[in-house]
């Protein structure tokens, strides 16, 4: 698969008589950051869950670069089950144990700094803010040094400062050469963070390319306007 970490070919997902993801095909290449944009119900989370093996595609196939895919990826879902009564640092150490890893203190501290959580490292997770919990959940996705990281709406419902801090964390991951796939509703976020943007609508992939490629292909200079033109007026 050379530079391709994951190749998705024509996957679909049926729920009863409804097709909620249809004919979905794209690749995830090493070292790139992909932002999947689409409204609720567009198939973003279902597609991620099929790639991760949480759900099984009704049709189509997914090829991975390694047989140990599920231990080679890090995942931040919209809700992470932390352990109240333990500090942020202790939770991170516990998650590392799930991957049979015992991280040295300096590595734990470095990871907390990467996710802007070092100052809150000794705080009980029950007392953390929503933004801090999101940043800690990203840290837990990184404890085992994954080659590929999936982030499901990491900035949803956060205040501007928390969003800025998570954006910086993702940009730092890019600098480290990590491959990152995240879902979002935010066009500005996609423009700032992405190497490639995937537009989802009604369970289908309707556009795939860098911001510059999409602007050139569709003769547009605004991602929101471009999405609306492709969906006949629907916005995120």
C-alpha atoms as a PDB file:
ATOM      1  CA  UNK A   1       0.000   0.000   0.000  1.00  0.00           C
ATOM      2  CA  UNK A   2       3.146   2.183  -0.141  1.00  0.00           C
ATOM      3  CA  UNK A   3       2.258   5.578   1.356  1.00  0.00           C
ATOM      4  CA  UNK A   4      -1.379   4.673   2.028  1.00  0.00           C
ATOM      5  CA  UNK A   5      -2.223   3.780   5.614  1.00  0.00           C
ATOM      6  CA  UNK A   6      -5.891   3.002   4.955  1.00  0.00           C
ATOM      7  CA  UNK A   7      -7.737   2.418   1.675  1.00  0.00           C
ATOM      8  CA  UNK A   8     -11.539   2.583   1.823  1.00  0.00           C
ATOM      9  CA  UNK A   9     -13.326   1.093  -1.190  1.00  0.00           C
ATOM     10  CA  UNK A  10     -17.058   1.498  -1.688  1.00  0.00           C
ATOM     11  CA  UNK A  11     -18.116   0.972   1.910  1.00  0.00           C
ATOM     12  CA  UNK A  12     -21.797   1.275   2.737  1.00  0.00           C
ATOM     13  CA  UNK A  13     -23.835   0.943   5.902  1.00  0.00           C
ATOM     14  CA  UNK A  14     -27.485  -0.045   6.070  1.00  0.00           C
ATOM     15  CA  UNK A  15     -29.692   0.481   9.112  1.00  0.00           C
ATOM     16  CA  UNK A  16     -32.962  -1.293   8.444  1.00  0.00           C
ATOM     17  CA  UNK A  17     -34.078  -0.164   4.994  1.00  0.00           C
ATOM     18  CA  UNK A  18     -32.016   3.049   5.108  1.00  0.00           C
ATOM     19  CA  UNK A  19     -28.542   3.412   3.623  1.00  0.00           C
ATOM     20  CA  UNK A  20     -26.808   5.848   5.984  1.00  0.00           C
ATOM     21  CA  UNK A  21     -23.380   5.633   4.303  1.00  0.00           C
ATOM     22  CA  UNK A  22     -23.217   4.931   0.586  1.00  0.00           C
ATOM     23  CA  UNK A  23     -20.384   4.127  -1.830  1.00  0.00           C
ATOM     24  CA  UNK A  24     -17.708   5.756   0.338  1.00  0.00           C
ATOM     25  CA  UNK A  25     -14.187   5.574  -1.127  1.00  0.00           C
ATOM     26  CA  UNK A  26     -11.032   7.454  -0.123  1.00  0.00           C
ATOM     27  CA  UNK A  27      -7.492   6.870   1.144  1.00  0.00           C
ATOM     28  CA  UNK A  28      -5.645   8.014   4.244  1.00  0.00           C
ATOM     29  CA  UNK A  29      -2.023   8.771   3.409  1.00  0.00           C
ATOM     30  CA  UNK A  30       0.912   8.805   5.792  1.00  0.00           C
ATOM     31  CA  UNK A  31       1.679  12.181   7.353  1.00  0.00           C
ATOM     32  CA  UNK A  32      -1.405  14.090   6.223  1.00  0.00           C
ATOM     33  CA  UNK A  33      -4.147  15.746   8.240  1.00  0.00           C
ATOM     34  CA  UNK A  34      -7.652  15.105   6.900  1.00  0.00           C
ATOM     35  CA  UNK A  35     -10.672  17.082   8.089  1.00  0.00           C
ATOM     36  CA  UNK A  36     -14.063  15.494   7.391  1.00  0.00           C
ATOM     37  CA  UNK A  37     -16.736  18.185   7.178  1.00  0.00           C
ATOM     38  CA  UNK A  38     -20.470  17.608   7.239  1.00  0.00           C
ATOM     39  CA  UNK A  39     -23.614  18.272   9.295  1.00  0.00           C
ATOM     40  CA  UNK A  40     -25.098  15.844  11.805  1.00  0.00           C
ATOM     41  CA  UNK A  41     -26.402  12.784   9.978  1.00  0.00           C
ATOM     42  CA  UNK A  42     -23.951  13.081   7.083  1.00  0.00           C
ATOM     43  CA  UNK A  43     -22.171   9.828   7.974  1.00  0.00           C
ATOM     44  CA  UNK A  44     -18.986  11.188   9.568  1.00  0.00           C
ATOM     45  CA  UNK A  45     -19.022   9.229  12.815  1.00  0.00           C
ATOM     46  CA  UNK A  46     -20.436   6.069  11.230  1.00  0.00           C
ATOM     47  CA  UNK A  47     -17.652   6.106   8.638  1.00  0.00           C
ATOM     48  CA  UNK A  48     -15.001   6.534  11.339  1.00  0.00           C
ATOM     49  CA  UNK A  49     -16.520   3.703  13.350  1.00  0.00           C
ATOM     50  CA  UNK A  50     -16.428   1.401  10.317  1.00  0.00           C
ATOM     51  CA  UNK A  51     -12.777   2.249   9.696  1.00  0.00           C
ATOM     52  CA  UNK A  52     -12.030   1.542  13.367  1.00  0.00           C
ATOM     53  CA  UNK A  53     -13.922  -1.754  13.372  1.00  0.00           C
ATOM     54  CA  UNK A  54     -16.545  -0.551  15.846  1.00  0.00           C
ATOM     55  CA  UNK A  55     -19.192  -1.079  13.157  1.00  0.00           C
ATOM     56  CA  UNK A  56     -19.017  -3.499  10.242  1.00  0.00           C
ATOM     57  CA  UNK A  57     -19.697  -2.212   6.705  1.00  0.00           C
ATOM     58  CA  UNK A  58     -22.717  -3.737   5.004  1.00  0.00           C
ATOM     59  CA  UNK A  59     -20.790  -3.654   1.735  1.00  0.00           C
ATOM     60  CA  UNK A  60     -17.331  -2.634   0.535  1.00  0.00           C
ATOM     61  CA  UNK A  61     -13.871  -3.210   1.958  1.00  0.00           C
ATOM     62  CA  UNK A  62     -11.223  -1.478   4.040  1.00  0.00           C
ATOM     63  CA  UNK A  63      -7.512  -2.304   3.699  1.00  0.00           C
ATOM     64  CA  UNK A  64      -4.969  -1.367   6.370  1.00  0.00           C
ATOM     65  CA  UNK A  65      -1.202  -0.984   6.245  1.00  0.00           C
ATOM     66  CA  UNK A  66      -0.728  -3.355   9.196  1.00  0.00           C
ATOM     67  CA  UNK A  67      -2.392  -6.434  10.663  1.00  0.00           C
ATOM     68  CA  UNK A  68      -2.194  -4.784  14.095  1.00  0.00           C
ATOM     69  CA  UNK A  69      -4.313  -1.827  13.020  1.00  0.00           C
ATOM     70  CA  UNK A  70      -6.393  -1.512  16.177  1.00  0.00           C
ATOM     71  CA  UNK A  71      -3.303  -1.185  18.385  1.00  0.00           C
ATOM     72  CA  UNK A  72      -1.537   1.112  15.898  1.00  0.00           C
ATOM     73  CA  UNK A  73      -4.185   3.853  15.992  1.00  0.00           C
ATOM     74  CA  UNK A  74      -5.220   6.367  18.623  1.00  0.00           C
ATOM     75  CA  UNK A  75      -8.851   7.365  18.989  1.00  0.00           C
ATOM     76  CA  UNK A  76     -10.591  10.288  20.675  1.00  0.00           C
ATOM     77  CA  UNK A  77     -14.338   9.786  20.543  1.00  0.00           C
ATOM     78  CA  UNK A  78     -16.855  12.414  21.613  1.00  0.00           C
ATOM     79  CA  UNK A  79     -17.004  10.942  25.115  1.00  0.00           C
ATOM     80  CA  UNK A  80     -14.081   9.287  26.932  1.00  0.00           C
ATOM     81  CA  UNK A  81     -14.811   7.237  30.101  1.00  0.00           C
ATOM     82  CA  UNK A  82     -12.369   8.694  32.615  1.00  0.00           C
ATOM     83  CA  UNK A  83     -12.039   7.524  36.214  1.00  0.00           C
ATOM     84  CA  UNK A  84     -13.205  10.110  38.791  1.00  0.00           C
ATOM     85  CA  UNK A  85     -11.146  10.149  41.953  1.00  0.00           C
ATOM     86  CA  UNK A  86      -7.963   9.904  39.891  1.00  0.00           C
ATOM     87  CA  UNK A  87      -5.993  12.877  38.626  1.00  0.00           C
ATOM     88  CA  UNK A  88      -5.471  13.722  34.971  1.00  0.00           C
ATOM     89  CA  UNK A  89      -1.961  12.284  35.177  1.00  0.00           C
ATOM     90  CA  UNK A  90      -3.148   9.091  36.892  1.00  0.00           C
ATOM     91  CA  UNK A  91      -5.844   8.589  34.256  1.00  0.00           C
ATOM     92  CA  UNK A  92      -3.230   8.957  31.532  1.00  0.00           C
ATOM     93  CA  UNK A  93      -0.993   6.391  33.241  1.00  0.00           C
ATOM     94  CA  UNK A  94      -3.948   4.018  33.541  1.00  0.00           C
ATOM     95  CA  UNK A  95      -4.797   4.346  29.846  1.00  0.00           C
ATOM     96  CA  UNK A  96      -1.163   3.572  29.025  1.00  0.00           C
ATOM     97  CA  UNK A  97      -1.519   0.333  31.005  1.00  0.00           C
ATOM     98  CA  UNK A  98      -4.427  -0.678  28.762  1.00  0.00           C
ATOM     99  CA  UNK A  99      -1.866  -0.794  25.944  1.00  0.00           C
ATOM    100  CA  UNK A 100       0.563  -2.690  28.215  1.00  0.00           C
ATOM    101  CA  UNK A 101       2.859   0.315  28.373  1.00  0.00           C
ATOM    102  CA  UNK A 102       4.496   1.878  31.407  1.00  0.00           C
ATOM    103  CA  UNK A 103       5.496   5.376  30.407  1.00  0.00           C
ATOM    104  CA  UNK A 104       8.345   7.137  32.248  1.00  0.00           C
ATOM    105  CA  UNK A 105       7.466  10.308  34.154  1.00  0.00           C
ATOM    106  CA  UNK A 106       9.150  12.588  31.628  1.00  0.00           C
ATOM    107  CA  UNK A 107       7.141  11.072  28.779  1.00  0.00           C
ATOM    108  CA  UNK A 108       3.856  11.489  30.649  1.00  0.00           C
ATOM    109  CA  UNK A 109       4.780  15.107  31.405  1.00  0.00           C
ATOM    110  CA  UNK A 110       5.731  15.725  27.766  1.00  0.00           C
ATOM    111  CA  UNK A 111       2.404  14.326  26.580  1.00  0.00           C
ATOM    112  CA  UNK A 112       0.487  16.488  29.043  1.00  0.00           C
ATOM    113  CA  UNK A 113       2.406  19.545  27.839  1.00  0.00           C
ATOM    114  CA  UNK A 114       1.660  18.668  24.199  1.00  0.00           C
ATOM    115  CA  UNK A 115      -2.049  18.690  25.051  1.00  0.00           C
ATOM    116  CA  UNK A 116      -1.858  21.827  27.258  1.00  0.00           C
ATOM    117  CA  UNK A 117      -2.732  19.784  30.355  1.00  0.00           C
ATOM    118  CA  UNK A 118       0.478  19.958  32.378  1.00  0.00           C
ATOM    119  CA  UNK A 119      -0.775  22.608  34.810  1.00  0.00           C
ATOM    120  CA  UNK A 120      -3.877  20.492  35.549  1.00  0.00           C
ATOM    121  CA  UNK A 121      -1.972  17.193  35.788  1.00  0.00           C
ATOM    122  CA  UNK A 122      -2.703  16.743  39.514  1.00  0.00           C
ATOM    123  CA  UNK A 123      -6.376  17.754  39.311  1.00  0.00           C
ATOM    124  CA  UNK A 124      -9.114  15.159  39.833  1.00  0.00           C
ATOM    125  CA  UNK A 125     -10.770  14.561  36.455  1.00  0.00           C
ATOM    126  CA  UNK A 126     -14.154  15.186  38.112  1.00  0.00           C
ATOM    127  CA  UNK A 127     -13.084  18.827  38.507  1.00  0.00           C
ATOM    128  CA  UNK A 128     -11.815  19.386  34.955  1.00  0.00           C
ATOM    129  CA  UNK A 129     -13.613  21.689  32.515  1.00  0.00           C
ATOM    130  CA  UNK A 130     -15.072  20.453  29.247  1.00  0.00           C
ATOM    131  CA  UNK A 131     -12.098  21.779  27.312  1.00  0.00           C
ATOM    132  CA  UNK A 132      -9.629  20.128  29.683  1.00  0.00           C
ATOM    133  CA  UNK A 133     -11.438  16.798  29.379  1.00  0.00           C
ATOM    134  CA  UNK A 134     -11.265  17.037  25.584  1.00  0.00           C
ATOM    135  CA  UNK A 135      -7.530  17.769  25.724  1.00  0.00           C
ATOM    136  CA  UNK A 136      -6.976  14.890  28.140  1.00  0.00           C
ATOM    137  CA  UNK A 137      -8.919  12.558  25.842  1.00  0.00           C
ATOM    138  CA  UNK A 138      -6.555  13.511  23.007  1.00  0.00           C
ATOM    139  CA  UNK A 139      -3.614  12.734  25.300  1.00  0.00           C
ATOM    140  CA  UNK A 140      -5.043   9.268  26.028  1.00  0.00           C
ATOM    141  CA  UNK A 141      -5.237   8.660  22.285  1.00  0.00           C
ATOM    142  CA  UNK A 142      -1.485   9.291  22.048  1.00  0.00           C
ATOM    143  CA  UNK A 143      -0.115   7.248  24.976  1.00  0.00           C
ATOM    144  CA  UNK A 144       0.914   4.276  22.797  1.00  0.00           C
ATOM    145  CA  UNK A 145       2.628   6.324  20.053  1.00  0.00           C
ATOM    146  CA  UNK A 146       0.075   5.576  17.310  1.00  0.00           C
ATOM    147  CA  UNK A 147       0.931   6.112  13.657  1.00  0.00           C
ATOM    148  CA  UNK A 148      -2.618   7.290  12.939  1.00  0.00           C
ATOM    149  CA  UNK A 149      -4.887   9.388  15.172  1.00  0.00           C
ATOM    150  CA  UNK A 150      -8.672   9.771  14.823  1.00  0.00           C
ATOM    151  CA  UNK A 151     -10.366  12.741  16.520  1.00  0.00           C
ATOM    152  CA  UNK A 152     -14.176  12.859  16.450  1.00  0.00           C
ATOM    153  CA  UNK A 153     -15.286  16.511  16.696  1.00  0.00           C
ATOM    154  CA  UNK A 154     -12.524  17.416  19.186  1.00  0.00           C
ATOM    155  CA  UNK A 155     -13.622  21.061  19.500  1.00  0.00           C
ATOM    156  CA  UNK A 156     -17.404  20.606  19.594  1.00  0.00           C
ATOM    157  CA  UNK A 157     -19.180  22.794  22.194  1.00  0.00           C
ATOM    158  CA  UNK A 158     -15.938  24.337  23.485  1.00  0.00           C
ATOM    159  CA  UNK A 159     -15.168  27.956  24.290  1.00  0.00           C
ATOM    160  CA  UNK A 160     -12.819  29.905  21.975  1.00  0.00           C
ATOM    161  CA  UNK A 161      -9.753  29.513  24.222  1.00  0.00           C
ATOM    162  CA  UNK A 162     -10.198  25.739  24.519  1.00  0.00           C
ATOM    163  CA  UNK A 163     -10.678  25.484  20.756  1.00  0.00           C
ATOM    164  CA  UNK A 164      -7.473  27.460  20.186  1.00  0.00           C
ATOM    165  CA  UNK A 165      -5.522  25.165  22.521  1.00  0.00           C
ATOM    166  CA  UNK A 166      -6.785  22.029  20.782  1.00  0.00           C
ATOM    167  CA  UNK A 167      -5.972  23.538  17.382  1.00  0.00           C
ATOM    168  CA  UNK A 168      -2.413  24.109  18.595  1.00  0.00           C
ATOM    169  CA  UNK A 169      -2.201  20.499  19.797  1.00  0.00           C
ATOM    170  CA  UNK A 170      -3.269  19.256  16.362  1.00  0.00           C
ATOM    171  CA  UNK A 171      -0.784  21.564  14.637  1.00  0.00           C
ATOM    172  CA  UNK A 172       1.937  20.187  16.933  1.00  0.00           C
ATOM    173  CA  UNK A 173       0.959  16.636  15.936  1.00  0.00           C
ATOM    174  CA  UNK A 174       1.281  17.680  12.292  1.00  0.00           C
ATOM    175  CA  UNK A 175       4.797  18.971  12.975  1.00  0.00           C
ATOM    176  CA  UNK A 176       5.654  15.599  14.547  1.00  0.00           C
ATOM    177  CA  UNK A 177       4.603  13.872  11.324  1.00  0.00           C
ATOM    178  CA  UNK A 178       1.522  12.199  12.797  1.00  0.00           C
ATOM    179  CA  UNK A 179      -1.310  11.224  10.478  1.00  0.00           C
ATOM    180  CA  UNK A 180      -4.505  12.803  11.811  1.00  0.00           C
ATOM    181  CA  UNK A 181      -8.137  12.363  10.738  1.00  0.00           C
ATOM    182  CA  UNK A 182     -10.709  14.567  12.439  1.00  0.00           C
ATOM    183  CA  UNK A 183     -14.376  15.330  11.958  1.00  0.00           C
ATOM    184  CA  UNK A 184     -15.759  18.845  12.284  1.00  0.00           C
ATOM    185  CA  UNK A 185     -18.627  21.221  11.545  1.00  0.00           C
ATOM    186  CA  UNK A 186     -16.291  24.207  11.359  1.00  0.00           C
ATOM    187  CA  UNK A 187     -15.053  25.467   7.980  1.00  0.00           C
ATOM    188  CA  UNK A 188     -12.478  27.801   9.549  1.00  0.00           C
ATOM    189  CA  UNK A 189     -11.111  24.848  11.501  1.00  0.00           C
ATOM    190  CA  UNK A 190     -10.860  22.804   8.311  1.00  0.00           C
ATOM    191  CA  UNK A 191      -9.066  25.614   6.495  1.00  0.00           C
ATOM    192  CA  UNK A 192      -6.585  26.082   9.345  1.00  0.00           C
ATOM    193  CA  UNK A 193      -5.725  22.452  10.101  1.00  0.00           C
ATOM    194  CA  UNK A 194      -6.198  20.370   6.977  1.00  0.00           C
ATOM    195  CA  UNK A 195      -3.980  19.045   4.243  1.00  0.00           C
ATOM    196  CA  UNK A 196      -7.130  17.522   2.729  1.00  0.00           C
ATOM    197  CA  UNK A 197     -10.809  18.214   3.218  1.00  0.00           C
ATOM    198  CA  UNK A 198     -13.562  15.640   2.688  1.00  0.00           C
ATOM    199  CA  UNK A 199     -17.095  17.021   2.305  1.00  0.00           C
ATOM    200  CA  UNK A 200     -19.797  14.581   3.464  1.00  0.00           C
ATOM    201  CA  UNK A 201     -23.493  15.024   2.700  1.00  0.00           C
ATOM    202  CA  UNK A 202     -26.373  12.597   3.307  1.00  0.00           C
ATOM    203  CA  UNK A 203     -23.997   9.667   3.753  1.00  0.00           C
ATOM    204  CA  UNK A 204     -21.947  10.363   0.625  1.00  0.00           C
ATOM    205  CA  UNK A 205     -18.518  11.844  -0.088  1.00  0.00           C
ATOM    206  CA  UNK A 206     -19.191  14.793  -2.400  1.00  0.00           C
ATOM    207  CA  UNK A 207     -15.736  16.421  -2.582  1.00  0.00           C
ATOM    208  CA  UNK A 208     -12.156  15.480  -1.694  1.00  0.00           C
ATOM    209  CA  UNK A 209      -9.039  17.635  -1.971  1.00  0.00           C
ATOM    210  CA  UNK A 210      -6.870  20.300  -0.418  1.00  0.00           C
ATOM    211  CA  UNK A 211      -8.418  23.713   0.142  1.00  0.00           C
ATOM    212  CA  UNK A 212      -6.525  25.029  -2.880  1.00  0.00           C
ATOM    213  CA  UNK A 213      -7.568  22.087  -5.057  1.00  0.00           C
ATOM    214  CA  UNK A 214     -11.228  22.496  -4.119  1.00  0.00           C
ATOM    215  CA  UNK A 215     -11.140  26.237  -4.788  1.00  0.00           C
ATOM    216  CA  UNK A 216      -9.533  25.638  -8.185  1.00  0.00           C
ATOM    217  CA  UNK A 217     -11.840  22.782  -9.168  1.00  0.00           C
ATOM    218  CA  UNK A 218     -15.079  24.503  -8.180  1.00  0.00           C
ATOM    219  CA  UNK A 219     -14.047  28.119  -8.872  1.00  0.00           C
ATOM    220  CA  UNK A 220     -14.744  29.226  -5.315  1.00  0.00           C
ATOM    221  CA  UNK A 221     -12.769  30.999  -2.601  1.00  0.00           C
ATOM    222  CA  UNK A 222     -14.979  30.244   0.401  1.00  0.00           C
ATOM    223  CA  UNK A 223     -15.464  26.758   1.885  1.00  0.00           C
ATOM    224  CA  UNK A 224     -18.940  27.494   3.283  1.00  0.00           C
ATOM    225  CA  UNK A 225     -20.174  28.827  -0.064  1.00  0.00           C
ATOM    226  CA  UNK A 226     -18.579  25.873  -1.843  1.00  0.00           C
ATOM    227  CA  UNK A 227     -20.336  23.374   0.425  1.00  0.00           C
ATOM    228  CA  UNK A 228     -23.661  25.139  -0.074  1.00  0.00           C
ATOM    229  CA  UNK A 229     -23.224  25.133  -3.859  1.00  0.00           C
ATOM    230  CA  UNK A 230     -22.518  21.383  -3.830  1.00  0.00           C
ATOM    231  CA  UNK A 231     -25.548  20.655  -1.640  1.00  0.00           C
ATOM    232  CA  UNK A 232     -27.958  23.063  -3.344  1.00  0.00           C
ATOM    233  CA  UNK A 233     -28.086  25.554  -0.499  1.00  0.00           C
ATOM    234  CA  UNK A 234     -27.644  23.372   2.579  1.00  0.00           C
ATOM    235  CA  UNK A 235     -25.152  24.607   5.173  1.00  0.00           C
ATOM    236  CA  UNK A 236     -23.307  22.820   7.967  1.00  0.00           C
END
